[in-house]
């Protein structure tokens, strides 16, 4: 398994995800979205696996004020995410081509 946890800040959900993998001694790589710029292929994979609705954190007031919150086309959403990764619903956990958004231990259990 090659787990990557994408986040832009240490929120409670990110901490829970990291703890989940640490407790099971599953190595993971933390990807700070402030330092690691997401590529177009990575974002397309995330959209295919998660869907645009779950990828964007529409519960966040700051995100709802951004026009990208209301985009429904990939070609508009991808550059917006590259410019403002804080739009994402973190943590985004990736294992190869499998991707989840948020705390999803039921799904992660099937990855082993």
C-alpha atoms as a PDB file:
ATOM      1  CA  UNK A   1       0.000   0.000   0.000  1.00  0.00           C
ATOM      2  CA  UNK A   2       1.182   3.485  -0.863  1.00  0.00           C
ATOM      3  CA  UNK A   3      -1.058   5.815   1.139  1.00  0.00           C
ATOM      4  CA  UNK A   4      -0.973   9.570   0.627  1.00  0.00           C
ATOM      5  CA  UNK A   5      -2.987  11.966   2.785  1.00  0.00           C
ATOM      6  CA  UNK A   6      -3.595  15.334   1.139  1.00  0.00           C
ATOM      7  CA  UNK A   7      -4.502  18.265   3.389  1.00  0.00           C
ATOM      8  CA  UNK A   8      -3.958  21.989   3.606  1.00  0.00           C
ATOM      9  CA  UNK A   9      -4.224  22.252   7.366  1.00  0.00           C
ATOM     10  CA  UNK A  10      -4.387  19.965  10.363  1.00  0.00           C
ATOM     11  CA  UNK A  11      -8.087  19.800  11.038  1.00  0.00           C
ATOM     12  CA  UNK A  12      -9.804  17.187  13.183  1.00  0.00           C
ATOM     13  CA  UNK A  13     -10.665  14.957  10.209  1.00  0.00           C
ATOM     14  CA  UNK A  14      -7.040  14.957   9.006  1.00  0.00           C
ATOM     15  CA  UNK A  15      -5.820  14.062  12.500  1.00  0.00           C
ATOM     16  CA  UNK A  16      -8.329  11.180  12.704  1.00  0.00           C
ATOM     17  CA  UNK A  17      -7.165   9.840   9.319  1.00  0.00           C
ATOM     18  CA  UNK A  18      -3.495  10.010  10.311  1.00  0.00           C
ATOM     19  CA  UNK A  19      -4.256   8.300  13.618  1.00  0.00           C
ATOM     20  CA  UNK A  20      -6.169   5.538  11.803  1.00  0.00           C
ATOM     21  CA  UNK A  21      -3.127   4.639   9.687  1.00  0.00           C
ATOM     22  CA  UNK A  22      -0.623   5.084  12.528  1.00  0.00           C
ATOM     23  CA  UNK A  23      -2.593   2.750  14.835  1.00  0.00           C
ATOM     24  CA  UNK A  24      -2.542   0.066  12.143  1.00  0.00           C
ATOM     25  CA  UNK A  25       1.144   0.670  11.414  1.00  0.00           C
ATOM     26  CA  UNK A  26       0.335   1.473   7.798  1.00  0.00           C
ATOM     27  CA  UNK A  27       2.941   3.869   6.424  1.00  0.00           C
ATOM     28  CA  UNK A  28       1.573   6.995   4.777  1.00  0.00           C
ATOM     29  CA  UNK A  29       2.901  10.150   3.236  1.00  0.00           C
ATOM     30  CA  UNK A  30       1.454  13.515   4.274  1.00  0.00           C
ATOM     31  CA  UNK A  31       1.013  15.823   1.298  1.00  0.00           C
ATOM     32  CA  UNK A  32       0.759  19.451   2.396  1.00  0.00           C
ATOM     33  CA  UNK A  33      -1.300  21.189  -0.288  1.00  0.00           C
ATOM     34  CA  UNK A  34       0.407  24.480   0.531  1.00  0.00           C
ATOM     35  CA  UNK A  35       3.718  22.975  -0.611  1.00  0.00           C
ATOM     36  CA  UNK A  36       2.616  20.244  -3.041  1.00  0.00           C
ATOM     37  CA  UNK A  37       0.803  21.671  -6.041  1.00  0.00           C
ATOM     38  CA  UNK A  38      -1.726  19.211  -7.420  1.00  0.00           C
ATOM     39  CA  UNK A  39      -1.350  18.293 -11.061  1.00  0.00           C
ATOM     40  CA  UNK A  40      -4.191  18.117 -13.539  1.00  0.00           C
ATOM     41  CA  UNK A  41      -4.004  14.307 -13.717  1.00  0.00           C
ATOM     42  CA  UNK A  42      -4.182  14.019  -9.899  1.00  0.00           C
ATOM     43  CA  UNK A  43      -7.255  16.255  -9.766  1.00  0.00           C
ATOM     44  CA  UNK A  44      -8.947  14.374 -12.629  1.00  0.00           C
ATOM     45  CA  UNK A  45      -8.342  11.086 -10.774  1.00  0.00           C
ATOM     46  CA  UNK A  46      -9.866  12.590  -7.623  1.00  0.00           C
ATOM     47  CA  UNK A  47     -12.906  13.829  -9.547  1.00  0.00           C
ATOM     48  CA  UNK A  48     -13.395  10.401 -11.178  1.00  0.00           C
ATOM     49  CA  UNK A  49     -13.102   8.533  -7.877  1.00  0.00           C
ATOM     50  CA  UNK A  50     -14.906  10.925  -5.532  1.00  0.00           C
ATOM     51  CA  UNK A  51     -17.019  13.164  -7.749  1.00  0.00           C
ATOM     52  CA  UNK A  52     -17.043  16.937  -7.895  1.00  0.00           C
ATOM     53  CA  UNK A  53     -19.710  17.256  -5.206  1.00  0.00           C
ATOM     54  CA  UNK A  54     -17.654  15.504  -2.506  1.00  0.00           C
ATOM     55  CA  UNK A  55     -14.300  16.902  -3.623  1.00  0.00           C
ATOM     56  CA  UNK A  56     -15.212  20.504  -2.779  1.00  0.00           C
ATOM     57  CA  UNK A  57     -15.863  21.435   0.879  1.00  0.00           C
ATOM     58  CA  UNK A  58     -19.266  23.055   0.409  1.00  0.00           C
ATOM     59  CA  UNK A  59     -19.864  23.135   4.182  1.00  0.00           C
ATOM     60  CA  UNK A  60     -17.112  25.742   4.583  1.00  0.00           C
ATOM     61  CA  UNK A  61     -18.351  29.350   4.480  1.00  0.00           C
ATOM     62  CA  UNK A  62     -15.153  30.584   2.821  1.00  0.00           C
ATOM     63  CA  UNK A  63     -15.515  27.951   0.082  1.00  0.00           C
ATOM     64  CA  UNK A  64     -19.184  28.844  -0.529  1.00  0.00           C
ATOM     65  CA  UNK A  65     -18.091  32.434  -1.196  1.00  0.00           C
ATOM     66  CA  UNK A  66     -15.717  31.260  -3.965  1.00  0.00           C
ATOM     67  CA  UNK A  67     -17.187  30.909  -7.486  1.00  0.00           C
ATOM     68  CA  UNK A  68     -15.557  27.457  -7.900  1.00  0.00           C
ATOM     69  CA  UNK A  69     -18.016  26.101  -5.343  1.00  0.00           C
ATOM     70  CA  UNK A  70     -20.671  26.319  -8.046  1.00  0.00           C
ATOM     71  CA  UNK A  71     -18.682  25.026 -11.040  1.00  0.00           C
ATOM     72  CA  UNK A  72     -20.049  21.925 -12.707  1.00  0.00           C
ATOM     73  CA  UNK A  73     -17.376  21.416 -15.375  1.00  0.00           C
ATOM     74  CA  UNK A  74     -13.943  19.878 -14.833  1.00  0.00           C
ATOM     75  CA  UNK A  75     -12.169  22.366 -17.111  1.00  0.00           C
ATOM     76  CA  UNK A  76     -13.276  25.205 -14.808  1.00  0.00           C
ATOM     77  CA  UNK A  77     -12.818  23.371 -11.522  1.00  0.00           C
ATOM     78  CA  UNK A  78      -9.282  22.020 -12.095  1.00  0.00           C
ATOM     79  CA  UNK A  79      -7.516  25.406 -12.431  1.00  0.00           C
ATOM     80  CA  UNK A  80      -9.533  26.735  -9.465  1.00  0.00           C
ATOM     81  CA  UNK A  81      -8.342  23.850  -7.268  1.00  0.00           C
ATOM     82  CA  UNK A  82      -4.755  24.335  -8.431  1.00  0.00           C
ATOM     83  CA  UNK A  83      -4.931  28.005  -7.434  1.00  0.00           C
ATOM     84  CA  UNK A  84      -6.896  27.481  -4.221  1.00  0.00           C
ATOM     85  CA  UNK A  85      -6.383  23.983  -2.761  1.00  0.00           C
ATOM     86  CA  UNK A  86      -8.247  25.091   0.393  1.00  0.00           C
ATOM     87  CA  UNK A  87     -11.432  24.470  -1.636  1.00  0.00           C
ATOM     88  CA  UNK A  88     -10.942  20.714  -1.174  1.00  0.00           C
ATOM     89  CA  UNK A  89     -12.757  18.613   1.386  1.00  0.00           C
ATOM     90  CA  UNK A  90      -9.771  17.222   3.301  1.00  0.00           C
ATOM     91  CA  UNK A  91      -8.370  14.803   4.099  1.00  0.00           C
ATOM     92  CA  UNK A  92      -8.147  13.301   0.652  1.00  0.00           C
ATOM     93  CA  UNK A  93      -6.648   9.839   1.076  1.00  0.00           C
ATOM     94  CA  UNK A  94      -5.167   8.121  -1.945  1.00  0.00           C
ATOM     95  CA  UNK A  95      -3.978   4.554  -2.431  1.00  0.00           C
ATOM     96  CA  UNK A  96      -2.863   4.272  -6.063  1.00  0.00           C
ATOM     97  CA  UNK A  97      -5.982   4.901  -8.135  1.00  0.00           C
ATOM     98  CA  UNK A  98      -8.325   4.624  -5.143  1.00  0.00           C
ATOM     99  CA  UNK A  99      -9.293   7.935  -3.540  1.00  0.00           C
ATOM    100  CA  UNK A 100     -11.540   8.976  -0.654  1.00  0.00           C
ATOM    101  CA  UNK A 101     -12.515  12.334   0.764  1.00  0.00           C
ATOM    102  CA  UNK A 102     -13.020  12.817   4.493  1.00  0.00           C
ATOM    103  CA  UNK A 103     -12.707  10.193   7.208  1.00  0.00           C
ATOM    104  CA  UNK A 104     -13.645   6.862   5.556  1.00  0.00           C
ATOM    105  CA  UNK A 105     -12.276   3.949   7.643  1.00  0.00           C
ATOM    106  CA  UNK A 106     -14.820   1.482   6.176  1.00  0.00           C
ATOM    107  CA  UNK A 107     -13.379   2.065   2.709  1.00  0.00           C
ATOM    108  CA  UNK A 108      -9.754   2.058   3.913  1.00  0.00           C
ATOM    109  CA  UNK A 109     -10.309  -1.351   5.568  1.00  0.00           C
ATOM    110  CA  UNK A 110     -11.026  -2.813   2.121  1.00  0.00           C
ATOM    111  CA  UNK A 111      -7.690  -1.528   0.769  1.00  0.00           C
ATOM    112  CA  UNK A 112      -5.607  -4.009   2.775  1.00  0.00           C
END
